[in-house]
Amino acid sequence: MTTPLDQSQIEAMLKQSPFISFLGLTVTALDAGKQEVVMRAPMRPEFEREPGTRQWHGGPIASIIDTVGDYALVMFVGRGLPTINFRVDFFRPAIDTALICTGRVRRLGRTVGVADVDVHDEKGALIAIGRATYAI
């Protein structure tokens, strides 16, 4: 793909997957020059670690990291990519907040792409970081 996807194209792709649509991700910023995408994920009761706590469970956070990393590369490839390898480090709990996730392309090769994702709460505190490798 020669022309990077724009924000509306990426948001349309996010809605095509029932699971990704359920995550509720919205693109808040996109910069092809920086190879960066920023998405917001709202808190939902289904994402709680325990009912009524408003504390995010790590599973949805990991899924969001994988998705945001994927779409940092999708911006240039034009289609979803399968994950080859994935890791996440959690630093603090996310409580009663949406997540602001910044995905950055680290490598966009012919067969493999790598993206890093930083996850912050709405006050700017770093919640988690992740890195994933995707098959191009």
N, C-alpha and C. Protein backbone atom coordinates (compact mmCIF):
# COMPACT_ATOMS: atom_id res chain seq x y z
N MET A 1 0.85 -1.17 0.00
CA MET A 1 0.00 0.00 0.00
C MET A 1 0.89 1.23 0.00
N THR A 2 0.61 2.18 -0.85
CA THR A 2 1.45 3.36 -0.98
C THR A 2 0.94 4.54 -0.16
N THR A 3 -0.36 4.73 -0.08
CA THR A 3 -0.94 5.84 0.67
C THR A 3 -1.46 5.33 2.01
N PRO A 4 -0.97 5.91 3.12
CA PRO A 4 -1.47 5.46 4.43
C PRO A 4 -2.98 5.70 4.57
N LEU A 5 -3.63 4.83 5.33
CA LEU A 5 -5.05 5.01 5.62
C LEU A 5 -5.24 6.24 6.50
N ASP A 6 -6.41 6.88 6.34
CA ASP A 6 -6.71 8.03 7.19
C ASP A 6 -7.57 7.57 8.38
N GLN A 7 -7.89 8.52 9.24
CA GLN A 7 -8.62 8.22 10.47
C GLN A 7 -9.97 7.57 10.19
N SER A 8 -10.72 8.08 9.25
CA SER A 8 -12.05 7.52 8.98
C SER A 8 -11.95 6.10 8.43
N GLN A 9 -10.93 5.81 7.63
CA GLN A 9 -10.75 4.46 7.10
C GLN A 9 -10.41 3.47 8.21
N ILE A 10 -9.55 3.89 9.13
CA ILE A 10 -9.19 3.02 10.24
C ILE A 10 -10.39 2.80 11.16
N GLU A 11 -11.15 3.85 11.45
CA GLU A 11 -12.32 3.68 12.31
C GLU A 11 -13.35 2.75 11.67
N ALA A 12 -13.50 2.82 10.36
CA ALA A 12 -14.42 1.91 9.65
C ALA A 12 -13.94 0.46 9.79
N MET A 13 -12.63 0.24 9.70
CA MET A 13 -12.09 -1.12 9.85
C MET A 13 -12.29 -1.63 11.27
N LEU A 14 -12.13 -0.77 12.26
CA LEU A 14 -12.32 -1.17 13.66
C LEU A 14 -13.74 -1.71 13.88
N LYS A 15 -14.71 -1.13 13.20
CA LYS A 15 -16.11 -1.52 13.37
C LYS A 15 -16.46 -2.84 12.68
N GLN A 16 -15.60 -3.32 11.78
CA GLN A 16 -15.89 -4.54 11.03
C GLN A 16 -15.77 -5.80 11.89
N SER A 17 -14.95 -5.76 12.92
CA SER A 17 -14.77 -6.92 13.79
C SER A 17 -15.69 -6.80 15.00
N PRO A 18 -16.55 -7.79 15.25
CA PRO A 18 -17.42 -7.71 16.43
C PRO A 18 -16.64 -7.54 17.74
N PHE A 19 -15.53 -8.26 17.88
CA PHE A 19 -14.74 -8.16 19.12
C PHE A 19 -14.11 -6.78 19.26
N ILE A 20 -13.46 -6.30 18.21
CA ILE A 20 -12.82 -4.99 18.28
C ILE A 20 -13.87 -3.90 18.46
N SER A 21 -15.00 -4.05 17.81
CA SER A 21 -16.08 -3.09 17.99
C SER A 21 -16.54 -3.06 19.45
N PHE A 22 -16.61 -4.23 20.09
CA PHE A 22 -16.99 -4.32 21.50
C PHE A 22 -16.03 -3.56 22.40
N LEU A 23 -14.73 -3.52 22.03
CA LEU A 23 -13.74 -2.79 22.82
C LEU A 23 -14.04 -1.29 22.85
N GLY A 24 -14.75 -0.79 21.84
CA GLY A 24 -15.15 0.61 21.82
C GLY A 24 -14.05 1.60 21.47
N LEU A 25 -13.02 1.13 20.80
CA LEU A 25 -11.89 2.01 20.46
C LEU A 25 -12.29 3.09 19.48
N THR A 26 -11.80 4.30 19.74
CA THR A 26 -11.96 5.41 18.80
C THR A 26 -10.58 6.00 18.54
N VAL A 27 -10.34 6.40 17.31
CA VAL A 27 -9.07 7.02 16.95
C VAL A 27 -9.15 8.49 17.34
N THR A 28 -8.21 8.93 18.17
CA THR A 28 -8.18 10.34 18.59
C THR A 28 -7.09 11.12 17.87
N ALA A 29 -6.09 10.43 17.35
CA ALA A 29 -5.02 11.09 16.59
C ALA A 29 -4.36 10.07 15.69
N LEU A 30 -3.89 10.55 14.56
CA LEU A 30 -3.22 9.69 13.58
C LEU A 30 -2.16 10.54 12.91
N ASP A 31 -0.92 10.05 12.89
CA ASP A 31 0.17 10.78 12.26
C ASP A 31 1.03 9.80 11.47
N ALA A 32 0.79 9.75 10.16
CA ALA A 32 1.54 8.82 9.31
C ALA A 32 3.02 9.16 9.29
N GLY A 33 3.35 10.44 9.37
CA GLY A 33 4.75 10.86 9.38
C GLY A 33 5.50 10.32 10.59
N LYS A 34 4.85 10.33 11.75
CA LYS A 34 5.44 9.79 12.98
C LYS A 34 5.20 8.29 13.10
N GLN A 35 4.41 7.72 12.19
CA GLN A 35 4.00 6.31 12.24
C GLN A 35 3.35 6.00 13.58
N GLU A 36 2.36 6.82 13.94
CA GLU A 36 1.75 6.75 15.25
C GLU A 36 0.24 6.87 15.17
N VAL A 37 -0.45 6.09 15.99
CA VAL A 37 -1.90 6.19 16.12
C VAL A 37 -2.23 6.25 17.62
N VAL A 38 -3.20 7.09 17.96
CA VAL A 38 -3.66 7.19 19.35
C VAL A 38 -5.13 6.82 19.37
N MET A 39 -5.49 5.91 20.28
CA MET A 39 -6.87 5.47 20.42
C MET A 39 -7.30 5.58 21.87
N ARG A 40 -8.59 5.81 22.05
CA ARG A 40 -9.20 5.87 23.38
C ARG A 40 -10.10 4.66 23.55
N ALA A 41 -9.99 4.03 24.72
CA ALA A 41 -10.85 2.89 25.07
C ALA A 41 -11.64 3.24 26.31
N PRO A 42 -12.97 3.27 26.21
CA PRO A 42 -13.78 3.59 27.40
C PRO A 42 -13.87 2.40 28.35
N MET A 43 -14.04 2.70 29.62
CA MET A 43 -14.27 1.64 30.61
C MET A 43 -15.69 1.12 30.42
N ARG A 44 -15.84 -0.19 30.51
CA ARG A 44 -17.14 -0.85 30.45
C ARG A 44 -17.23 -1.80 31.64
N PRO A 45 -18.42 -2.05 32.16
CA PRO A 45 -18.55 -3.00 33.27
C PRO A 45 -17.99 -4.39 32.93
N GLU A 46 -18.07 -4.77 31.67
CA GLU A 46 -17.56 -6.09 31.26
C GLU A 46 -16.04 -6.19 31.38
N PHE A 47 -15.35 -5.06 31.50
CA PHE A 47 -13.88 -5.05 31.59
C PHE A 47 -13.38 -5.03 33.04
N GLU A 48 -14.31 -4.99 34.01
CA GLU A 48 -13.91 -4.90 35.42
C GLU A 48 -13.27 -6.18 35.93
N ARG A 49 -12.26 -5.99 36.75
CA ARG A 49 -11.60 -7.12 37.40
C ARG A 49 -12.55 -7.81 38.37
N GLU A 50 -13.28 -7.01 39.14
CA GLU A 50 -14.33 -7.51 40.03
C GLU A 50 -15.51 -6.56 39.91
N PRO A 51 -16.74 -7.09 39.93
CA PRO A 51 -17.92 -6.23 39.74
C PRO A 51 -17.94 -5.04 40.71
N GLY A 52 -18.21 -3.88 40.16
CA GLY A 52 -18.37 -2.67 40.96
C GLY A 52 -17.08 -1.94 41.32
N THR A 53 -15.92 -2.50 40.97
CA THR A 53 -14.65 -1.88 41.37
C THR A 53 -14.20 -0.79 40.40
N ARG A 54 -14.71 -0.82 39.17
CA ARG A 54 -14.26 0.09 38.10
C ARG A 54 -12.77 -0.08 37.79
N GLN A 55 -12.17 -1.19 38.27
CA GLN A 55 -10.76 -1.49 37.98
C GLN A 55 -10.67 -2.38 36.75
N TRP A 56 -9.86 -1.98 35.79
CA TRP A 56 -9.69 -2.75 34.56
C TRP A 56 -9.04 -4.10 34.84
N HIS A 57 -9.55 -5.12 34.21
CA HIS A 57 -8.92 -6.45 34.18
C HIS A 57 -7.79 -6.38 33.15
N GLY A 58 -6.71 -7.09 33.37
CA GLY A 58 -5.58 -7.07 32.46
C GLY A 58 -5.86 -7.65 31.08
N GLY A 59 -6.82 -8.55 30.99
CA GLY A 59 -7.13 -9.18 29.70
C GLY A 59 -7.61 -8.18 28.65
N PRO A 60 -8.61 -7.36 28.97
CA PRO A 60 -9.01 -6.34 28.00
C PRO A 60 -7.90 -5.35 27.68
N ILE A 61 -7.09 -4.99 28.68
CA ILE A 61 -5.98 -4.08 28.40
C ILE A 61 -5.02 -4.71 27.39
N ALA A 62 -4.70 -5.98 27.58
CA ALA A 62 -3.81 -6.67 26.65
C ALA A 62 -4.42 -6.73 25.25
N SER A 63 -5.72 -7.00 25.16
CA SER A 63 -6.39 -7.03 23.86
C SER A 63 -6.34 -5.68 23.18
N ILE A 64 -6.51 -4.63 23.95
CA ILE A 64 -6.46 -3.27 23.40
C ILE A 64 -5.06 -2.96 22.91
N ILE A 65 -4.04 -3.33 23.68
CA ILE A 65 -2.65 -3.10 23.26
C ILE A 65 -2.39 -3.81 21.94
N ASP A 66 -2.79 -5.07 21.84
CA ASP A 66 -2.58 -5.84 20.61
C ASP A 66 -3.28 -5.17 19.43
N THR A 67 -4.49 -4.69 19.64
CA THR A 67 -5.26 -4.06 18.56
C THR A 67 -4.65 -2.73 18.13
N VAL A 68 -4.27 -1.90 19.08
CA VAL A 68 -3.69 -0.59 18.75
C VAL A 68 -2.35 -0.78 18.03
N GLY A 69 -1.55 -1.73 18.49
CA GLY A 69 -0.28 -2.02 17.80
C GLY A 69 -0.51 -2.49 16.38
N ASP A 70 -1.48 -3.36 16.22
CA ASP A 70 -1.83 -3.86 14.89
C ASP A 70 -2.22 -2.70 13.97
N TYR A 71 -3.07 -1.81 14.46
CA TYR A 71 -3.56 -0.72 13.62
C TYR A 71 -2.51 0.35 13.34
N ALA A 72 -1.48 0.45 14.16
CA ALA A 72 -0.37 1.33 13.80
C ALA A 72 0.25 0.84 12.48
N LEU A 73 0.32 -0.48 12.31
CA LEU A 73 0.85 -1.06 11.06
C LEU A 73 -0.21 -1.10 9.96
N VAL A 74 -1.46 -1.37 10.34
CA VAL A 74 -2.57 -1.39 9.37
C VAL A 74 -2.63 -0.09 8.60
N MET A 75 -2.31 1.01 9.27
CA MET A 75 -2.31 2.32 8.62
C MET A 75 -1.51 2.29 7.31
N PHE A 76 -0.45 1.49 7.26
CA PHE A 76 0.42 1.43 6.08
C PHE A 76 0.18 0.21 5.20
N VAL A 77 -0.33 -0.87 5.80
CA VAL A 77 -0.51 -2.13 5.07
C VAL A 77 -1.92 -2.22 4.48
N GLY A 78 -2.91 -1.63 5.15
CA GLY A 78 -4.26 -1.60 4.63
C GLY A 78 -5.14 -2.77 4.99
N ARG A 79 -4.66 -3.66 5.85
CA ARG A 79 -5.45 -4.83 6.27
C ARG A 79 -4.95 -5.28 7.63
N GLY A 80 -5.81 -6.01 8.34
CA GLY A 80 -5.43 -6.55 9.65
C GLY A 80 -4.31 -7.56 9.51
N LEU A 81 -3.48 -7.64 10.54
CA LEU A 81 -2.31 -8.52 10.51
C LEU A 81 -2.36 -9.51 11.67
N PRO A 82 -1.96 -10.76 11.43
CA PRO A 82 -1.92 -11.72 12.54
C PRO A 82 -0.74 -11.47 13.46
N THR A 83 -0.98 -11.62 14.74
CA THR A 83 0.06 -11.43 15.75
C THR A 83 0.95 -12.66 15.81
N ILE A 84 2.26 -12.42 15.77
CA ILE A 84 3.25 -13.50 15.89
C ILE A 84 3.69 -13.66 17.34
N ASN A 85 3.98 -12.54 17.98
CA ASN A 85 4.47 -12.55 19.35
C ASN A 85 3.96 -11.29 20.05
N PHE A 86 3.78 -11.40 21.37
CA PHE A 86 3.16 -10.30 22.09
C PHE A 86 3.59 -10.34 23.55
N ARG A 87 3.86 -9.16 24.10
CA ARG A 87 4.14 -9.08 25.54
C ARG A 87 3.60 -7.77 26.09
N VAL A 88 3.31 -7.79 27.38
CA VAL A 88 2.81 -6.59 28.04
C VAL A 88 3.40 -6.51 29.44
N ASP A 89 3.71 -5.31 29.87
CA ASP A 89 4.15 -5.05 31.24
C ASP A 89 3.14 -4.08 31.86
N PHE A 90 2.61 -4.46 33.03
CA PHE A 90 1.65 -3.62 33.74
C PHE A 90 2.39 -2.89 34.86
N PHE A 91 2.09 -1.59 35.02
CA PHE A 91 2.78 -0.78 36.03
C PHE A 91 1.90 -0.37 37.20
N ARG A 92 0.62 -0.13 36.93
CA ARG A 92 -0.30 0.27 37.98
C ARG A 92 -1.71 -0.07 37.54
N PRO A 93 -2.63 -0.20 38.49
CA PRO A 93 -4.01 -0.49 38.09
C PRO A 93 -4.66 0.73 37.43
N ALA A 94 -5.55 0.46 36.52
CA ALA A 94 -6.37 1.49 35.88
C ALA A 94 -7.74 1.43 36.53
N ILE A 95 -8.11 2.49 37.22
CA ILE A 95 -9.36 2.50 37.98
C ILE A 95 -10.19 3.71 37.57
N ASP A 96 -11.45 3.43 37.20
CA ASP A 96 -12.43 4.47 36.88
C ASP A 96 -11.89 5.47 35.85
N THR A 97 -11.36 4.94 34.76
CA THR A 97 -10.77 5.79 33.72
C THR A 97 -10.89 5.12 32.36
N ALA A 98 -10.95 5.94 31.35
CA ALA A 98 -10.74 5.42 29.99
C ALA A 98 -9.24 5.22 29.82
N LEU A 99 -8.87 4.48 28.80
CA LEU A 99 -7.45 4.28 28.50
C LEU A 99 -7.10 5.05 27.23
N ILE A 100 -5.95 5.72 27.26
CA ILE A 100 -5.42 6.42 26.10
C ILE A 100 -4.20 5.63 25.64
N CYS A 101 -4.27 5.09 24.43
CA CYS A 101 -3.26 4.15 23.95
C CYS A 101 -2.57 4.70 22.71
N THR A 102 -1.25 4.79 22.78
CA THR A 102 -0.46 5.31 21.67
C THR A 102 0.35 4.17 21.07
N GLY A 103 0.07 3.86 19.81
CA GLY A 103 0.79 2.81 19.09
C GLY A 103 1.79 3.43 18.13
N ARG A 104 3.03 2.92 18.16
CA ARG A 104 4.09 3.43 17.30
C ARG A 104 4.73 2.27 16.53
N VAL A 105 4.90 2.47 15.24
CA VAL A 105 5.59 1.48 14.42
C VAL A 105 7.07 1.54 14.76
N ARG A 106 7.65 0.39 15.07
CA ARG A 106 9.09 0.28 15.31
C ARG A 106 9.81 -0.29 14.09
N ARG A 107 9.10 -1.17 13.39
CA ARG A 107 9.66 -1.74 12.16
C ARG A 107 8.51 -2.15 11.25
N LEU A 108 8.62 -1.77 10.02
CA LEU A 108 7.66 -2.19 9.01
C LEU A 108 8.45 -2.80 7.87
N GLY A 109 8.66 -4.11 7.96
CA GLY A 109 9.44 -4.82 6.96
C GLY A 109 8.54 -5.47 5.92
N ARG A 110 9.16 -6.23 5.06
CA ARG A 110 8.43 -6.91 4.00
C ARG A 110 7.57 -8.05 4.54
N THR A 111 8.07 -8.75 5.58
CA THR A 111 7.34 -9.91 6.11
C THR A 111 6.94 -9.78 7.57
N VAL A 112 7.58 -8.86 8.30
CA VAL A 112 7.33 -8.71 9.74
C VAL A 112 7.25 -7.23 10.09
N GLY A 113 6.32 -6.90 10.99
CA GLY A 113 6.22 -5.55 11.54
C GLY A 113 6.21 -5.62 13.05
N VAL A 114 6.74 -4.58 13.69
CA VAL A 114 6.79 -4.50 15.15
C VAL A 114 6.21 -3.16 15.57
N ALA A 115 5.37 -3.19 16.60
CA ALA A 115 4.78 -1.96 17.14
C ALA A 115 4.87 -1.96 18.66
N ASP A 116 5.08 -0.77 19.22
CA ASP A 116 5.05 -0.57 20.67
C ASP A 116 3.81 0.24 21.02
N VAL A 117 3.23 -0.03 22.19
CA VAL A 117 2.04 0.68 22.63
C VAL A 117 2.23 1.11 24.08
N ASP A 118 1.98 2.40 24.34
CA ASP A 118 1.95 2.93 25.70
C ASP A 118 0.49 3.16 26.08
N VAL A 119 0.12 2.75 27.28
CA VAL A 119 -1.24 2.91 27.77
C VAL A 119 -1.22 3.84 28.99
N HIS A 120 -1.97 4.94 28.90
CA HIS A 120 -2.08 5.90 29.99
C HIS A 120 -3.53 6.00 30.44
N ASP A 121 -3.72 6.42 31.70
CA ASP A 121 -5.07 6.75 32.14
C ASP A 121 -5.37 8.17 31.68
N GLU A 122 -6.56 8.65 31.99
CA GLU A 122 -6.97 9.98 31.51
C GLU A 122 -6.22 11.12 32.20
N LYS A 123 -5.53 10.82 33.30
CA LYS A 123 -4.72 11.84 33.98
C LYS A 123 -3.27 11.82 33.49
N GLY A 124 -2.94 10.87 32.60
CA GLY A 124 -1.59 10.81 32.05
C GLY A 124 -0.66 9.82 32.71
N ALA A 125 -1.13 9.09 33.72
CA ALA A 125 -0.28 8.09 34.38
C ALA A 125 -0.09 6.88 33.47
N LEU A 126 1.14 6.38 33.41
CA LEU A 126 1.44 5.21 32.59
C LEU A 126 0.92 3.96 33.28
N ILE A 127 0.02 3.24 32.60
CA ILE A 127 -0.62 2.03 33.12
C ILE A 127 0.14 0.78 32.68
N ALA A 128 0.49 0.73 31.39
CA ALA A 128 1.12 -0.47 30.83
C ALA A 128 1.82 -0.11 29.53
N ILE A 129 2.74 -0.98 29.15
CA ILE A 129 3.36 -0.89 27.82
C ILE A 129 3.32 -2.28 27.19
N GLY A 130 3.29 -2.30 25.88
CA GLY A 130 3.28 -3.57 25.18
C GLY A 130 4.06 -3.49 23.90
N ARG A 131 4.50 -4.63 23.44
CA ARG A 131 5.19 -4.75 22.15
C ARG A 131 4.66 -6.00 21.47
N ALA A 132 4.40 -5.86 20.18
CA ALA A 132 3.92 -7.02 19.43
C ALA A 132 4.60 -7.07 18.08
N THR A 133 4.75 -8.29 17.60
CA THR A 133 5.29 -8.57 16.27
C THR A 133 4.15 -9.15 15.44
N TYR A 134 4.02 -8.67 14.22
CA TYR A 134 2.91 -9.07 13.35
C TYR A 134 3.46 -9.58 12.00
N ALA A 135 2.75 -10.54 11.43
CA ALA A 135 3.10 -11.06 10.10
C ALA A 135 2.54 -10.11 9.04
N ILE A 136 3.39 -9.61 8.19
CA ILE A 136 2.94 -8.73 7.11
C ILE A 136 2.46 -9.60 5.95
